[in-house]
Amino acid sequence: MRTYRSVSLNALWFLIALNVLIFVITLLRPEAIINFLGLTPALLSQQPWTIISSMFVHGNFGHILFNMISLYFLGSFLIRAAGEKSFLAVFFLGGLAGNILYFVLGYLVLRGFIPPLFGDPFTPGIGASGGIFALGGALAIMVPRVPVIIFPIPVPVPLWVAIIILVCISFLFSGIAWQAHLGGLFLGLIAGLILRRRRRIYSF
């Protein structure tokens, strides 16, 4: 038996509004605010709040537009599939996992343990992408065949294919924190396995 009920998107809209508000504030003094709120691996011990605050900072209009559109569609889908609490947990833990990987790789580069191609310890990482990739990873496990459209591909592709394409794009362009994308994605995949198992247990 299945039951259908309305869901609240209040938490999702709050996150979107918070990101937009911080973006508007950032426009006043972009460099200063990004340096203060962005996650710079070499400065994390002096700015510990940035492990969280960086998730809500965006550098330009295109950055926040793409992220907020992705957050809305993936977030609303996950809320309907698993509930608001699961959505918030996946988003925040995914963002945190992405930031941790960004920091760890940057720190290892700073100490000379790995080559610079793995990250720049002095470049602030910003954006909600880690949490968004976590949402995508969770949904790719729970509903992998759901068709989605990725611009400029003119035909729908399965969600799991879309996630792979977006991850690959992360490595093609400079200025993209692929470390945060991977960290968020891995967390999302694990969360998806847990949520899928939980849904099977309680669906009867």
Protein backbone atom coordinates (compact mmCIF):
# COMPACT_ATOMS: atom_id res chain seq x y z
CA MET A 1 0.00 0.00 0.00
CA ARG A 2 1.24 3.51 -0.77
CA THR A 3 0.02 6.74 0.70
CA TYR A 4 0.42 10.19 -0.78
CA ARG A 5 0.71 13.39 1.22
CA SER A 6 1.75 16.96 0.61
CA VAL A 7 5.29 17.88 1.55
CA SER A 8 6.77 21.10 2.90
CA LEU A 9 9.51 22.82 0.93
CA ASN A 10 10.05 25.49 3.58
CA ALA A 11 13.55 24.28 4.47
CA LEU A 12 14.52 24.22 0.80
CA TRP A 13 13.22 27.73 0.17
CA PHE A 14 15.00 28.96 3.31
CA LEU A 15 18.34 27.60 2.05
CA ILE A 16 17.81 29.18 -1.37
CA ALA A 17 16.88 32.53 0.22
CA LEU A 18 19.92 32.38 2.51
CA ASN A 19 22.25 31.73 -0.43
CA VAL A 20 20.73 34.58 -2.42
CA LEU A 21 20.95 36.98 0.55
CA ILE A 22 24.62 36.18 1.14
CA PHE A 23 25.30 36.56 -2.59
CA VAL A 24 23.73 40.04 -2.58
CA ILE A 25 25.83 40.99 0.45
CA THR A 26 28.93 39.59 -1.26
CA LEU A 27 28.39 41.99 -4.17
CA LEU A 28 29.16 44.89 -1.82
CA ARG A 29 32.74 43.75 -1.15
CA PRO A 30 33.35 40.55 -3.16
CA GLU A 31 37.03 39.90 -2.43
CA ALA A 32 36.84 40.71 1.28
CA ILE A 33 33.73 38.63 1.93
CA ILE A 34 34.91 35.65 -0.12
CA ASN A 35 38.24 35.70 1.73
CA PHE A 36 36.39 35.90 5.06
CA LEU A 37 33.72 33.25 4.41
CA GLY A 38 35.41 31.05 1.79
CA LEU A 39 37.33 27.92 2.77
CA THR A 40 41.06 28.51 2.29
CA PRO A 41 42.86 25.28 3.30
CA ALA A 42 45.99 27.07 4.48
CA LEU A 43 43.93 29.34 6.77
CA LEU A 44 41.36 26.92 8.21
CA SER A 45 42.95 26.90 11.67
CA GLN A 46 42.54 30.70 11.76
CA GLN A 47 39.08 30.69 10.15
CA PRO A 48 37.36 27.49 11.37
CA TRP A 49 33.87 28.81 10.54
CA THR A 50 34.65 28.62 6.84
CA ILE A 51 34.18 24.83 6.84
CA ILE A 52 30.44 25.71 7.00
CA SER A 53 30.12 29.30 5.78
CA SER A 54 31.76 28.57 2.43
CA MET A 55 28.73 26.44 1.50
CA PHE A 56 26.61 29.60 1.21
CA VAL A 57 28.95 31.88 -0.74
CA HIS A 58 28.95 32.25 -4.54
CA GLY A 59 31.29 34.18 -6.77
CA ASN A 60 29.08 35.39 -9.60
CA PHE A 61 25.53 35.36 -10.96
CA GLY A 62 26.03 32.28 -13.15
CA HIS A 63 27.48 30.36 -10.21
CA ILE A 64 24.55 30.99 -7.89
CA LEU A 65 21.93 30.64 -10.64
CA PHE A 66 23.09 27.17 -11.69
CA ASN A 67 23.52 26.02 -8.09
CA MET A 68 20.13 27.29 -6.91
CA ILE A 69 18.28 25.75 -9.86
CA SER A 70 20.03 22.45 -9.17
CA LEU A 71 19.34 22.75 -5.44
CA TYR A 72 15.64 23.35 -6.06
CA PHE A 73 15.05 20.45 -8.43
CA LEU A 74 17.23 17.88 -6.66
CA GLY A 75 16.21 19.08 -3.21
CA SER A 76 12.47 19.05 -3.88
CA PHE A 77 12.79 15.58 -5.40
CA LEU A 78 14.66 14.21 -2.38
CA ILE A 79 12.22 15.82 0.05
CA ARG A 80 9.35 14.05 -1.70
CA ALA A 81 11.26 10.78 -1.79
CA ALA A 82 12.77 10.74 1.70
CA GLY A 83 11.47 13.69 3.72
CA GLU A 84 12.72 17.07 4.84
CA LYS A 85 15.03 15.80 7.60
CA SER A 86 16.81 13.45 5.22
CA PHE A 87 17.17 16.25 2.68
CA LEU A 88 18.78 18.56 5.23
CA ALA A 89 21.07 15.80 6.52
CA VAL A 90 22.26 14.85 3.03
CA PHE A 91 22.78 18.46 1.97
CA PHE A 92 24.74 19.59 5.02
CA LEU A 93 26.76 16.39 5.46
CA GLY A 94 27.51 16.38 1.73
CA GLY A 95 28.66 19.99 1.84
CA LEU A 96 30.79 19.22 4.89
CA ALA A 97 32.30 16.12 3.25
CA GLY A 98 33.13 18.13 0.15
CA ASN A 99 34.79 20.85 2.19
CA ILE A 100 36.76 18.34 4.21
CA LEU A 101 38.15 16.74 1.06
CA TYR A 102 38.93 20.19 -0.36
CA PHE A 103 40.81 21.06 2.84
CA VAL A 104 42.64 17.74 3.18
CA LEU A 105 43.95 17.77 -0.39
CA GLY A 106 44.90 21.44 -0.13
CA TYR A 107 46.71 20.80 3.15
CA LEU A 108 48.61 17.85 1.66
CA VAL A 109 49.67 20.07 -1.25
CA LEU A 110 50.78 22.75 1.22
CA ARG A 111 52.94 20.22 3.05
CA GLY A 112 54.40 18.91 -0.18
CA PHE A 113 52.97 15.39 0.14
CA ILE A 114 51.07 15.55 -3.17
CA PRO A 115 51.52 17.67 -6.33
CA PRO A 116 49.73 21.03 -6.82
CA LEU A 117 47.32 19.57 -9.39
CA PHE A 118 45.27 18.23 -6.45
CA GLY A 119 44.47 21.68 -5.14
CA ASP A 120 45.61 25.17 -4.23
CA PRO A 121 45.85 25.66 -0.45
CA PHE A 122 45.64 29.45 -0.85
CA THR A 123 42.52 29.63 -3.04
CA PRO A 124 39.16 30.00 -1.22
CA GLY A 125 36.63 27.31 -2.06
CA ILE A 126 33.03 28.53 -2.19
CA GLY A 127 29.61 27.33 -3.23
CA ALA A 128 26.85 24.87 -2.40
CA SER A 129 28.07 22.33 -4.96
CA GLY A 130 29.24 19.76 -2.41
CA GLY A 131 25.78 19.56 -0.87
CA ILE A 132 24.12 19.60 -4.29
CA PHE A 133 26.27 16.73 -5.56
CA ALA A 134 25.35 14.85 -2.39
CA LEU A 135 21.66 15.26 -3.26
CA GLY A 136 22.38 14.08 -6.80
CA GLY A 137 24.37 11.09 -5.56
CA ALA A 138 21.61 10.03 -3.17
CA LEU A 139 18.96 10.28 -5.89
CA ALA A 140 21.20 8.47 -8.39
CA ILE A 141 21.10 5.48 -6.04
CA MET A 142 17.42 5.75 -5.09
CA VAL A 143 15.94 6.57 -8.52
CA PRO A 144 18.77 6.11 -11.05
CA ARG A 145 16.59 5.91 -14.16
CA VAL A 146 14.62 9.11 -13.67
CA PRO A 147 15.06 11.14 -16.90
CA VAL A 148 16.60 14.60 -16.61
CA ILE A 149 17.79 17.17 -19.13
CA ILE A 150 21.29 18.66 -19.04
CA PHE A 151 21.91 21.70 -21.20
CA PRO A 152 22.90 21.57 -24.04
CA ILE A 153 22.01 17.86 -24.48
CA PRO A 154 18.64 18.01 -26.28
CA VAL A 155 17.25 14.70 -24.98
CA PRO A 156 16.61 13.40 -21.47
CA VAL A 157 19.22 11.11 -19.93
CA PRO A 158 18.97 8.87 -16.84
CA LEU A 159 19.86 10.66 -13.62
CA TRP A 160 22.90 8.46 -12.94
CA VAL A 161 24.28 9.35 -16.38
CA ALA A 162 23.67 13.04 -15.73
CA ILE A 163 25.62 12.88 -12.48
CA ILE A 164 28.58 11.20 -14.21
CA ILE A 165 28.55 13.87 -16.92
CA LEU A 166 28.53 16.69 -14.36
CA VAL A 167 31.38 15.12 -12.40
CA CYS A 168 33.44 14.80 -15.58
CA ILE A 169 32.76 18.46 -16.41
CA SER A 170 34.20 19.35 -13.00
CA PHE A 171 37.63 18.21 -14.22
CA LEU A 172 37.50 20.00 -17.57
CA PHE A 173 37.44 23.63 -16.45
CA SER A 174 39.72 25.59 -14.15
CA GLY A 175 38.17 27.38 -11.21
CA ILE A 176 35.87 24.48 -10.28
CA ALA A 177 36.39 22.83 -6.90
CA TRP A 178 36.16 19.26 -8.13
CA GLN A 179 37.37 18.08 -4.72
CA ALA A 180 34.18 19.38 -3.10
CA HIS A 181 32.09 17.80 -5.85
CA LEU A 182 33.68 14.38 -5.31
CA GLY A 183 33.45 14.58 -1.53
CA GLY A 184 29.78 15.51 -1.68
CA LEU A 185 29.03 12.87 -4.27
CA PHE A 186 30.59 10.04 -2.25
CA LEU A 187 28.64 11.09 0.83
CA GLY A 188 25.47 11.22 -1.27
CA LEU A 189 26.02 7.74 -2.68
CA ILE A 190 26.36 6.33 0.83
CA ALA A 191 23.28 8.24 1.98
CA GLY A 192 21.36 6.95 -1.04
CA LEU A 193 22.13 3.35 -0.11
CA ILE A 194 20.93 3.98 3.45
CA LEU A 195 17.76 5.78 2.35
CA ARG A 196 16.94 3.18 -0.29
CA ARG A 197 17.26 0.38 2.27
CA ARG A 198 15.15 2.32 4.77
CA ARG A 199 12.46 2.95 2.16
CA ARG A 200 12.31 -0.77 1.32
CA ILE A 201 11.93 -1.64 5.01
CA TYR A 202 9.06 0.76 5.59
CA SER A 203 7.27 0.34 2.24
CA PHE A 204 4.77 -2.52 2.40
